Amino acid sequence: MTQQTTRQDSAKRGTVLVVDDNADIRRLVHLTLEKHYTVLEAADGHSALQMLSEHRPPVVLLDIMMPGEFDGLQVLDAIKHDPELQCTLVAMVTARGQAMDGLEARMRGADAYFIKPFSPRDLKIWVENRLP
């Protein structure tokens, strides 16, 4: 790691974990946020939980429908029921666009709900308002 990279990283405002099984979505969000934030990525719920445990990011952008042992709602439940993680801000970023889907996510503790296709600008503004 160069000194320049270290200076750039230290100037970043915080860390955001992007959890989505779609690599294109992860890349889009990464490119949208990387200038001002450290962006971590996970492709499934299990990896997300490992990243949360290791890095404790203050913001998570979380898909609902993912393959594997844990879907996004189960990851959300794990975050909100863990005393060390429950203050983590979670925005769901999902293709599930029914009103009941958003309501269920909010009842389980989601702080925001973005429906795909989403506006990268709106997502960035949401993060900026939480990690100034």
C-alpha atoms as a PDB file:
ATOM      1  CA  MET A   1       0.000   0.000   0.000  1.00  0.00           C
ATOM      2  CA  THR A   2       1.365   3.377  -0.970  1.00  0.00           C
ATOM      3  CA  GLN A   3       1.354   6.490   1.171  1.00  0.00           C
ATOM      4  CA  GLN A   4      -1.079   8.096  -1.281  1.00  0.00           C
ATOM      5  CA  THR A   5      -3.542   5.211  -0.904  1.00  0.00           C
ATOM      6  CA  THR A   6      -3.260   5.443   2.877  1.00  0.00           C
ATOM      7  CA  ARG A   7      -3.960   9.190   2.787  1.00  0.00           C
ATOM      8  CA  GLN A   8      -6.929   8.693   0.489  1.00  0.00           C
ATOM      9  CA  ASP A   9      -8.389   5.974   2.725  1.00  0.00           C
ATOM     10  CA  SER A  10      -7.941   8.038   5.875  1.00  0.00           C
ATOM     11  CA  ALA A  11      -9.779  10.936   4.206  1.00  0.00           C
ATOM     12  CA  LYS A  12     -12.826   8.759   3.553  1.00  0.00           C
ATOM     13  CA  ARG A  13     -15.864   9.368   5.719  1.00  0.00           C
ATOM     14  CA  GLY A  14     -16.738   5.848   6.779  1.00  0.00           C
ATOM     15  CA  THR A  15     -17.383   2.307   5.677  1.00  0.00           C
ATOM     16  CA  VAL A  16     -20.332   0.902   3.763  1.00  0.00           C
ATOM     17  CA  LEU A  17     -20.991  -2.810   3.260  1.00  0.00           C
ATOM     18  CA  VAL A  18     -22.783  -3.658   0.001  1.00  0.00           C
ATOM     19  CA  VAL A  19     -24.483  -7.069   0.037  1.00  0.00           C
ATOM     20  CA  ASP A  20     -25.902  -8.333  -3.241  1.00  0.00           C
ATOM     21  CA  ASP A  21     -25.512 -11.546  -5.215  1.00  0.00           C
ATOM     22  CA  ASN A  22     -25.427  -9.530  -8.449  1.00  0.00           C
ATOM     23  CA  ALA A  23     -21.844  -8.432  -9.154  1.00  0.00           C
ATOM     24  CA  ASP A  24     -23.052  -5.629 -11.456  1.00  0.00           C
ATOM     25  CA  ILE A  25     -25.129  -4.091  -8.656  1.00  0.00           C
ATOM     26  CA  ARG A  26     -22.209  -4.335  -6.231  1.00  0.00           C
ATOM     27  CA  ARG A  27     -19.933  -2.674  -8.791  1.00  0.00           C
ATOM     28  CA  LEU A  28     -22.434   0.132  -9.503  1.00  0.00           C
ATOM     29  CA  VAL A  29     -22.802   0.923  -5.797  1.00  0.00           C
ATOM     30  CA  HIS A  30     -19.055   0.616  -5.254  1.00  0.00           C
ATOM     31  CA  LEU A  31     -18.336   3.083  -8.068  1.00  0.00           C
ATOM     32  CA  THR A  32     -21.017   5.439  -6.733  1.00  0.00           C
ATOM     33  CA  LEU A  33     -19.586   5.553  -3.212  1.00  0.00           C
ATOM     34  CA  GLU A  34     -15.860   4.768  -3.451  1.00  0.00           C
ATOM     35  CA  LYS A  35     -14.670   8.357  -3.740  1.00  0.00           C
ATOM     36  CA  HIS A  36     -15.825   9.256  -0.226  1.00  0.00           C
ATOM     37  CA  TYR A  37     -16.319   5.921   1.554  1.00  0.00           C
ATOM     38  CA  THR A  38     -14.555   2.644   2.072  1.00  0.00           C
ATOM     39  CA  VAL A  39     -16.804   0.143   0.324  1.00  0.00           C
ATOM     40  CA  LEU A  40     -16.829  -3.515   1.330  1.00  0.00           C
ATOM     41  CA  GLU A  41     -18.691  -6.146  -0.666  1.00  0.00           C
ATOM     42  CA  ALA A  42     -20.360  -9.462   0.070  1.00  0.00           C
ATOM     43  CA  ALA A  43     -22.202 -11.706  -2.389  1.00  0.00           C
ATOM     44  CA  ASP A  44     -24.363 -13.605   0.098  1.00  0.00           C
ATOM     45  CA  GLY A  45     -25.781 -13.481   3.594  1.00  0.00           C
ATOM     46  CA  HIS A  46     -23.153 -15.707   5.170  1.00  0.00           C
ATOM     47  CA  SER A  47     -20.307 -13.556   3.817  1.00  0.00           C
ATOM     48  CA  ALA A  48     -22.173 -10.437   4.932  1.00  0.00           C
ATOM     49  CA  LEU A  49     -22.378 -11.684   8.505  1.00  0.00           C
ATOM     50  CA  GLN A  50     -18.649 -12.458   8.481  1.00  0.00           C
ATOM     51  CA  MET A  51     -17.850  -8.965   7.135  1.00  0.00           C
ATOM     52  CA  LEU A  52     -20.128  -7.373   9.739  1.00  0.00           C
ATOM     53  CA  SER A  53     -18.403  -9.243  12.526  1.00  0.00           C
ATOM     54  CA  GLU A  54     -14.939  -8.367  11.281  1.00  0.00           C
ATOM     55  CA  HIS A  55     -15.360  -4.747  10.123  1.00  0.00           C
ATOM     56  CA  ARG A  56     -18.456  -3.402  11.923  1.00  0.00           C
ATOM     57  CA  PRO A  57     -19.467  -0.972   9.147  1.00  0.00           C
ATOM     58  CA  PRO A  58     -21.931   1.693  10.268  1.00  0.00           C
ATOM     59  CA  VAL A  59     -24.006   1.351   7.062  1.00  0.00           C
ATOM     60  CA  VAL A  60     -25.150  -1.752   5.162  1.00  0.00           C
ATOM     61  CA  LEU A  61     -26.858  -1.760   1.766  1.00  0.00           C
ATOM     62  CA  LEU A  62     -28.601  -5.116   1.651  1.00  0.00           C
ATOM     63  CA  ASP A  63     -30.403  -7.095  -1.037  1.00  0.00           C
ATOM     64  CA  ILE A  64     -33.265  -9.324   0.104  1.00  0.00           C
ATOM     65  CA  MET A  65     -33.213 -12.155  -2.408  1.00  0.00           C
ATOM     66  CA  MET A  66     -29.873 -13.946  -2.265  1.00  0.00           C
ATOM     67  CA  PRO A  67     -28.842 -17.567  -2.613  1.00  0.00           C
ATOM     68  CA  GLY A  68     -27.480 -19.552   0.261  1.00  0.00           C
ATOM     69  CA  GLU A  69     -28.226 -20.034   3.903  1.00  0.00           C
ATOM     70  CA  PHE A  70     -29.330 -16.468   4.729  1.00  0.00           C
ATOM     71  CA  ASP A  71     -31.471 -14.072   2.713  1.00  0.00           C
ATOM     72  CA  GLY A  72     -31.368 -10.332   3.312  1.00  0.00           C
ATOM     73  CA  LEU A  73     -34.206 -10.302   5.834  1.00  0.00           C
ATOM     74  CA  GLN A  74     -32.431 -12.930   7.916  1.00  0.00           C
ATOM     75  CA  VAL A  75     -29.241 -10.851   7.792  1.00  0.00           C
ATOM     76  CA  LEU A  76     -31.286  -7.793   8.811  1.00  0.00           C
ATOM     77  CA  ASP A  77     -32.716  -9.753  11.754  1.00  0.00           C
ATOM     78  CA  ALA A  78     -29.222 -10.840  12.802  1.00  0.00           C
ATOM     79  CA  ILE A  79     -27.981  -7.243  12.689  1.00  0.00           C
ATOM     80  CA  LYS A  80     -30.888  -5.793  14.650  1.00  0.00           C
ATOM     81  CA  HIS A  81     -30.816  -8.540  17.299  1.00  0.00           C
ATOM     82  CA  ASP A  82     -27.065  -8.331  17.937  1.00  0.00           C
ATOM     83  CA  PRO A  83     -26.343  -5.787  20.700  1.00  0.00           C
ATOM     84  CA  GLU A  84     -23.013  -4.926  19.061  1.00  0.00           C
ATOM     85  CA  LEU A  85     -24.567  -4.346  15.614  1.00  0.00           C
ATOM     86  CA  GLN A  86     -28.092  -3.118  16.321  1.00  0.00           C
ATOM     87  CA  CYS A  87     -27.156   0.528  15.726  1.00  0.00           C
ATOM     88  CA  THR A  88     -25.932  -0.341  12.225  1.00  0.00           C
ATOM     89  CA  LEU A  89     -27.996   1.493   9.623  1.00  0.00           C
ATOM     90  CA  VAL A  90     -29.476  -0.838   7.016  1.00  0.00           C
ATOM     91  CA  ALA A  91     -30.980   0.131   3.676  1.00  0.00           C
ATOM     92  CA  MET A  92     -32.626  -2.644   1.735  1.00  0.00           C
ATOM     93  CA  VAL A  93     -31.850  -2.480  -2.001  1.00  0.00           C
ATOM     94  CA  THR A  94     -34.111  -4.994  -3.676  1.00  0.00           C
ATOM     95  CA  ALA A  95     -36.302  -5.934  -6.614  1.00  0.00           C
ATOM     96  CA  ARG A  96     -39.149  -6.733  -4.215  1.00  0.00           C
ATOM     97  CA  GLY A  97     -41.345  -3.712  -4.805  1.00  0.00           C
ATOM     98  CA  GLN A  98     -44.664  -4.548  -3.196  1.00  0.00           C
ATOM     99  CA  ALA A  99     -45.779  -2.233  -0.382  1.00  0.00           C
ATOM    100  CA  MET A 100     -45.914  -5.182   2.028  1.00  0.00           C
ATOM    101  CA  ASP A 101     -42.260  -6.013   1.296  1.00  0.00           C
ATOM    102  CA  GLY A 102     -41.154  -2.539   2.343  1.00  0.00           C
ATOM    103  CA  LEU A 103     -43.412  -2.588   5.376  1.00  0.00           C
ATOM    104  CA  GLU A 104     -42.066  -5.968   6.510  1.00  0.00           C
ATOM    105  CA  ALA A 105     -38.471  -4.794   6.130  1.00  0.00           C
ATOM    106  CA  ARG A 106     -39.154  -1.624   8.134  1.00  0.00           C
ATOM    107  CA  MET A 107     -40.963  -3.605  10.841  1.00  0.00           C
ATOM    108  CA  ARG A 108     -37.863  -5.771  11.115  1.00  0.00           C
ATOM    109  CA  GLY A 109     -35.650  -2.709  11.535  1.00  0.00           C
ATOM    110  CA  ALA A 110     -34.644  -1.524   8.042  1.00  0.00           C
ATOM    111  CA  ASP A 111     -33.848   2.169   7.960  1.00  0.00           C
ATOM    112  CA  ALA A 112     -34.614   2.623   4.255  1.00  0.00           C
ATOM    113  CA  TYR A 113     -35.991   0.681   1.305  1.00  0.00           C
ATOM    114  CA  PHE A 114     -34.768   1.201  -2.274  1.00  0.00           C
ATOM    115  CA  ILE A 115     -36.466  -0.662  -5.113  1.00  0.00           C
ATOM    116  CA  LYS A 116     -34.426  -1.828  -8.113  1.00  0.00           C
ATOM    117  CA  PRO A 117     -33.852  -0.251 -10.483  1.00  0.00           C
ATOM    118  CA  PHE A 118     -32.772   2.395  -8.002  1.00  0.00           C
ATOM    119  CA  SER A 119     -31.180   5.794  -8.448  1.00  0.00           C
ATOM    120  CA  PRO A 120     -27.472   5.621  -7.518  1.00  0.00           C
ATOM    121  CA  ARG A 121     -27.714   9.347  -6.736  1.00  0.00           C
ATOM    122  CA  ASP A 122     -30.561   8.803  -4.246  1.00  0.00           C
ATOM    123  CA  LEU A 123     -28.636   5.972  -2.616  1.00  0.00           C
ATOM    124  CA  LYS A 124     -25.525   8.155  -2.356  1.00  0.00           C
ATOM    125  CA  ILE A 125     -27.548  11.004  -0.811  1.00  0.00           C
ATOM    126  CA  TRP A 126     -29.026   8.598   1.746  1.00  0.00           C
ATOM    127  CA  VAL A 127     -25.542   7.409   2.734  1.00  0.00           C
ATOM    128  CA  GLU A 128     -24.180  10.978   2.814  1.00  0.00           C
ATOM    129  CA  ASN A 129     -26.936  12.011   5.204  1.00  0.00           C
ATOM    130  CA  ARG A 130     -25.911   9.220   7.573  1.00  0.00           C
ATOM    131  CA  LEU A 131     -22.122   9.302   7.213  1.00  0.00           C
ATOM    132  CA  PRO A 132     -21.296  13.012   6.829  1.00  0.00           C
END
